[in-house]
Amino acid sequence: MQSQTDTTGTDDAPLEDYQSSLPGFLGTIDNTISRIESVLLAAGVLLMALNTIANVVGRFIFQNSIFFSEELNRILIILITFAGISYAARHGRHIRMSAIFDALPPKPRKALMVVISVVTAIFMLGLAWYSLQYILTQAGRGRVLPSLQIPVWVILVWVPVGFFMTGLQYALTAIKNLIEKDIYLSTSVLEGYDDGEMEV
C-alpha cells in the first residue's frame, strides 16, 4: 500500500509551509483556508493559555481571579473546535471507518473516496447553513454574556465558519481525487498507512 506521503506536503508539515497542489483558483481557495485555519488555531490556543495563566496568577498571587476568564475560555474552545475540524479534514486526521474501503481494489476505492468527500461536503455545508440560522435566531433574542456583556451570538460565529471551511475542504478533496491518479484523503495527504501502521 502507498505511504502516506505526498510531494505537496505531509500531514505533519508546518502550517506556514503549506502550498496547495490544486490548479489555479482552487489552489488559491485551498491556501486561503489553510491560512485562516492557521491564524484561528494559533490565536485560539495562545489566548487560552495566556488567559488561563493570568487567571491562575491573579487567583494565587493577587487573591483575585479574572472575572471573565471562564467565558473567554468558552469562546476560545468553540473557536478551536470548529477551526480544528477543518484542519483535521485538511490533514487527513478525521476518524475513518475503513474496513470496507480498505478491502476494495484501487479504482472502486477511489470512486468511494470521491463519493465520501462529496457527501461529507454536502453535510458540512448543510450544517453551516443550519448553524447560521441558529445564530440569527440567537441574535434576535438579544441575550448577552453575564461577564463580558457581549451578545451570545457573537461567540457562535465560529460554528458556521468552521463547518463552511470543512465543507470546502471536502469538496476540494473530491476535486483532487477526480483530477489526480492517486487516492487522496485530503488535498495534501495520500491514502495509505505510515510505516508504523498496518491494515487490520
Protein backbone atom coordinates (compact mmCIF):
# COMPACT_ATOMS: atom_id res chain seq x y z
CA MET A 1 0.00 0.00 0.00
CA GLN A 2 1.12 3.58 -0.55
CA SER A 3 2.95 5.53 2.10
CA GLN A 4 1.02 8.48 3.49
CA THR A 5 3.41 10.95 1.92
CA ASP A 6 2.86 13.43 -0.85
CA THR A 7 5.18 15.67 -2.80
CA THR A 8 2.84 18.55 -1.98
CA GLY A 9 3.40 18.08 1.74
CA THR A 10 2.62 15.74 4.59
CA ASP A 11 0.14 15.91 7.41
CA ASP A 12 2.98 16.87 9.75
CA ALA A 13 4.28 19.77 7.64
CA PRO A 14 4.45 23.19 9.33
CA LEU A 15 1.31 25.23 8.71
CA GLU A 16 3.16 28.16 7.18
CA ASP A 17 4.82 25.86 4.60
CA TYR A 18 1.54 24.57 3.16
CA GLN A 19 1.19 25.15 -0.58
CA SER A 20 -1.79 23.71 -2.39
CA SER A 21 -1.16 21.47 -5.38
CA LEU A 22 -4.60 22.24 -6.81
CA PRO A 23 -4.56 24.26 -10.04
CA GLY A 24 -5.47 27.94 -10.38
CA PHE A 25 -8.34 29.38 -8.38
CA LEU A 26 -8.88 26.11 -6.48
CA GLY A 27 -5.32 26.32 -5.17
CA THR A 28 -5.94 29.90 -4.05
CA ILE A 29 -9.05 28.81 -2.13
CA ASP A 30 -7.13 25.92 -0.55
CA ASN A 31 -4.23 28.16 0.51
CA THR A 32 -6.63 30.79 1.88
CA ILE A 33 -8.48 28.21 4.01
CA SER A 34 -5.12 26.94 5.29
CA ARG A 35 -4.04 30.44 6.35
CA ILE A 36 -7.37 31.12 8.08
CA GLU A 37 -7.08 27.81 9.97
CA SER A 38 -3.52 28.66 10.99
CA VAL A 39 -4.44 32.08 12.36
CA LEU A 40 -7.57 30.88 14.18
CA LEU A 41 -5.91 27.87 15.79
CA ALA A 42 -2.71 29.67 16.77
CA ALA A 43 -4.56 32.68 18.17
CA GLY A 44 -7.10 30.49 19.98
CA VAL A 45 -4.53 28.27 21.69
CA LEU A 46 -2.22 31.17 22.64
CA LEU A 47 -5.05 33.31 24.01
CA MET A 48 -6.44 30.39 26.00
CA ALA A 49 -3.00 29.68 27.51
CA LEU A 50 -2.44 33.36 28.38
CA ASN A 51 -5.93 33.71 29.83
CA THR A 52 -5.58 30.59 31.98
CA ILE A 53 -2.10 31.53 33.24
CA ALA A 54 -3.19 35.10 34.01
CA ASN A 55 -6.19 33.79 35.90
CA VAL A 56 -4.06 31.41 37.98
CA VAL A 57 -1.53 34.16 38.76
CA GLY A 58 -4.34 36.54 39.71
CA ARG A 59 -6.01 33.99 41.95
CA PHE A 60 -2.93 32.78 43.86
CA ILE A 61 -0.79 35.93 43.96
CA PHE A 62 -3.30 38.77 43.97
CA GLN A 63 -6.15 36.76 45.57
CA ASN A 64 -8.45 37.91 42.80
CA SER A 65 -9.27 35.91 39.65
CA ILE A 66 -10.20 37.45 36.31
CA PHE A 67 -13.99 37.70 36.32
CA PHE A 68 -14.42 36.99 32.59
CA SER A 69 -11.81 34.21 32.33
CA GLU A 70 -14.29 31.33 32.17
CA GLU A 71 -16.40 32.99 29.48
CA LEU A 72 -13.34 33.87 27.40
CA ASN A 73 -12.12 30.26 27.55
CA ARG A 74 -15.57 29.07 26.46
CA ILE A 75 -15.38 31.36 23.41
CA LEU A 76 -11.88 30.12 22.59
CA ILE A 77 -12.88 26.45 22.95
CA ILE A 78 -15.65 26.99 20.39
CA LEU A 79 -13.17 28.74 18.08
CA ILE A 80 -10.52 26.00 18.39
CA THR A 81 -13.05 23.18 17.97
CA PHE A 82 -14.62 24.46 14.77
CA ALA A 83 -11.38 25.69 13.20
CA GLY A 84 -9.93 22.30 14.20
CA ILE A 85 -12.44 20.24 12.22
CA SER A 86 -11.33 21.98 9.03
CA TYR A 87 -7.68 21.44 10.00
CA ALA A 88 -8.33 17.73 10.67
CA ALA A 89 -10.00 17.35 7.27
CA ARG A 90 -7.06 19.06 5.52
CA HIS A 91 -4.50 16.76 7.14
CA GLY A 92 -6.47 13.52 6.85
CA ARG A 93 -6.82 13.27 10.64
CA HIS A 94 -10.58 12.72 10.77
CA ILE A 95 -11.94 9.38 12.03
CA ARG A 96 -12.41 6.84 9.24
CA MET A 97 -14.37 3.59 9.30
CA SER A 98 -12.27 1.96 6.59
CA ALA A 99 -12.89 -1.81 6.78
CA ILE A 100 -14.92 -1.93 3.53
CA PHE A 101 -12.88 0.86 1.93
CA ASP A 102 -9.56 -0.94 2.54
CA ALA A 103 -10.90 -4.21 1.13
CA LEU A 104 -11.75 -2.66 -2.26
CA PRO A 105 -9.40 -2.59 -5.26
CA PRO A 106 -7.91 0.81 -6.20
CA LYS A 107 -10.50 2.03 -8.75
CA PRO A 108 -13.61 1.37 -6.63
CA ARG A 109 -11.72 2.73 -3.61
CA LYS A 110 -11.01 5.96 -5.48
CA ALA A 111 -14.67 6.24 -6.57
CA LEU A 112 -15.80 5.63 -2.98
CA MET A 113 -13.42 8.34 -1.73
CA VAL A 114 -14.96 10.83 -4.17
CA VAL A 115 -18.47 9.87 -3.01
CA ILE A 116 -17.46 10.11 0.66
CA SER A 117 -15.88 13.53 0.11
CA VAL A 118 -18.88 14.89 -1.81
CA VAL A 119 -21.45 13.59 0.70
CA THR A 120 -19.42 14.90 3.64
CA ALA A 121 -19.03 18.29 1.94
CA ILE A 122 -22.81 18.49 1.45
CA PHE A 123 -23.43 17.63 5.11
CA MET A 124 -20.85 20.16 6.34
CA LEU A 125 -22.25 22.94 4.16
CA GLY A 126 -25.76 21.99 5.31
CA LEU A 127 -24.65 22.21 8.94
CA ALA A 128 -23.07 25.60 8.17
CA TRP A 129 -26.44 26.80 6.84
CA TYR A 130 -28.41 25.50 9.85
CA SER A 131 -25.91 26.88 12.35
CA LEU A 132 -26.15 30.27 10.61
CA GLN A 133 -29.93 30.15 11.03
CA TYR A 134 -29.44 29.32 14.72
CA ILE A 135 -27.13 32.33 15.13
CA LEU A 136 -29.73 34.59 13.51
CA THR A 137 -32.30 33.25 15.99
CA GLN A 138 -29.93 33.92 18.90
CA ALA A 139 -29.24 37.43 17.61
CA GLY A 140 -32.97 38.11 17.60
CA ARG A 141 -33.27 37.12 21.26
CA GLY A 142 -30.76 39.75 22.36
CA ARG A 143 -29.10 37.60 25.05
CA VAL A 144 -25.67 38.71 26.34
CA LEU A 145 -22.90 37.00 28.29
CA PRO A 146 -23.10 37.87 32.02
CA SER A 147 -19.46 38.94 32.47
CA LEU A 148 -18.29 40.21 29.09
CA GLN A 149 -21.68 41.72 28.20
CA ILE A 150 -21.30 40.80 24.54
CA PRO A 151 -24.15 39.20 22.56
CA VAL A 152 -24.26 35.40 22.79
CA TRP A 153 -24.49 35.05 19.01
CA VAL A 154 -21.01 36.59 18.60
CA ILE A 155 -19.30 33.63 20.28
CA LEU A 156 -21.16 31.22 17.97
CA VAL A 157 -19.95 32.82 14.72
CA TRP A 158 -17.10 30.30 14.54
CA VAL A 159 -19.54 27.39 14.20
CA PRO A 160 -20.80 28.14 10.65
CA VAL A 161 -17.31 29.39 9.69
CA GLY A 162 -15.77 26.07 10.76
CA PHE A 163 -18.45 23.98 9.05
CA PHE A 164 -18.17 26.06 5.87
CA MET A 165 -14.36 25.72 5.71
CA THR A 166 -14.65 21.97 6.36
CA GLY A 167 -17.25 21.62 3.60
CA LEU A 168 -14.97 23.44 1.18
CA GLN A 169 -12.07 21.24 2.24
CA TYR A 170 -14.01 18.05 1.48
CA ALA A 171 -15.23 19.50 -1.84
CA LEU A 172 -11.60 20.26 -2.78
CA THR A 173 -10.65 16.71 -1.76
CA ALA A 174 -13.27 15.31 -4.14
CA ILE A 175 -11.88 17.51 -6.94
CA LYS A 176 -8.32 16.45 -6.11
CA ASN A 177 -9.32 12.79 -6.43
CA LEU A 178 -11.02 13.46 -9.76
CA ILE A 179 -8.01 15.20 -11.33
CA GLU A 180 -5.20 13.04 -9.88
CA LYS A 181 -4.49 9.34 -10.45
CA ASP A 182 -3.72 8.62 -6.77
CA ILE A 183 -6.24 8.37 -3.95
CA TYR A 184 -6.20 11.34 -1.56
CA LEU A 185 -7.64 11.58 1.95
CA SER A 186 -7.36 15.35 1.64
CA THR A 187 -5.86 17.79 -0.83
CA SER A 188 -2.37 17.06 0.52
CA VAL A 189 -2.48 13.57 2.10
CA LEU A 190 -2.32 10.36 0.10
CA GLU A 191 -4.44 7.41 1.19
CA GLY A 192 -2.37 4.69 2.82
CA TYR A 193 -0.58 3.82 6.02
CA ASP A 194 2.59 5.11 7.62
CA ASP A 195 5.48 2.69 8.14
CA GLY A 196 4.44 2.18 11.77
CA GLU A 197 0.81 1.45 10.89
CA MET A 198 -0.73 -1.62 9.40
CA GLU A 199 -4.01 -2.53 7.86
CA VAL A 200 -6.10 -4.86 10.06
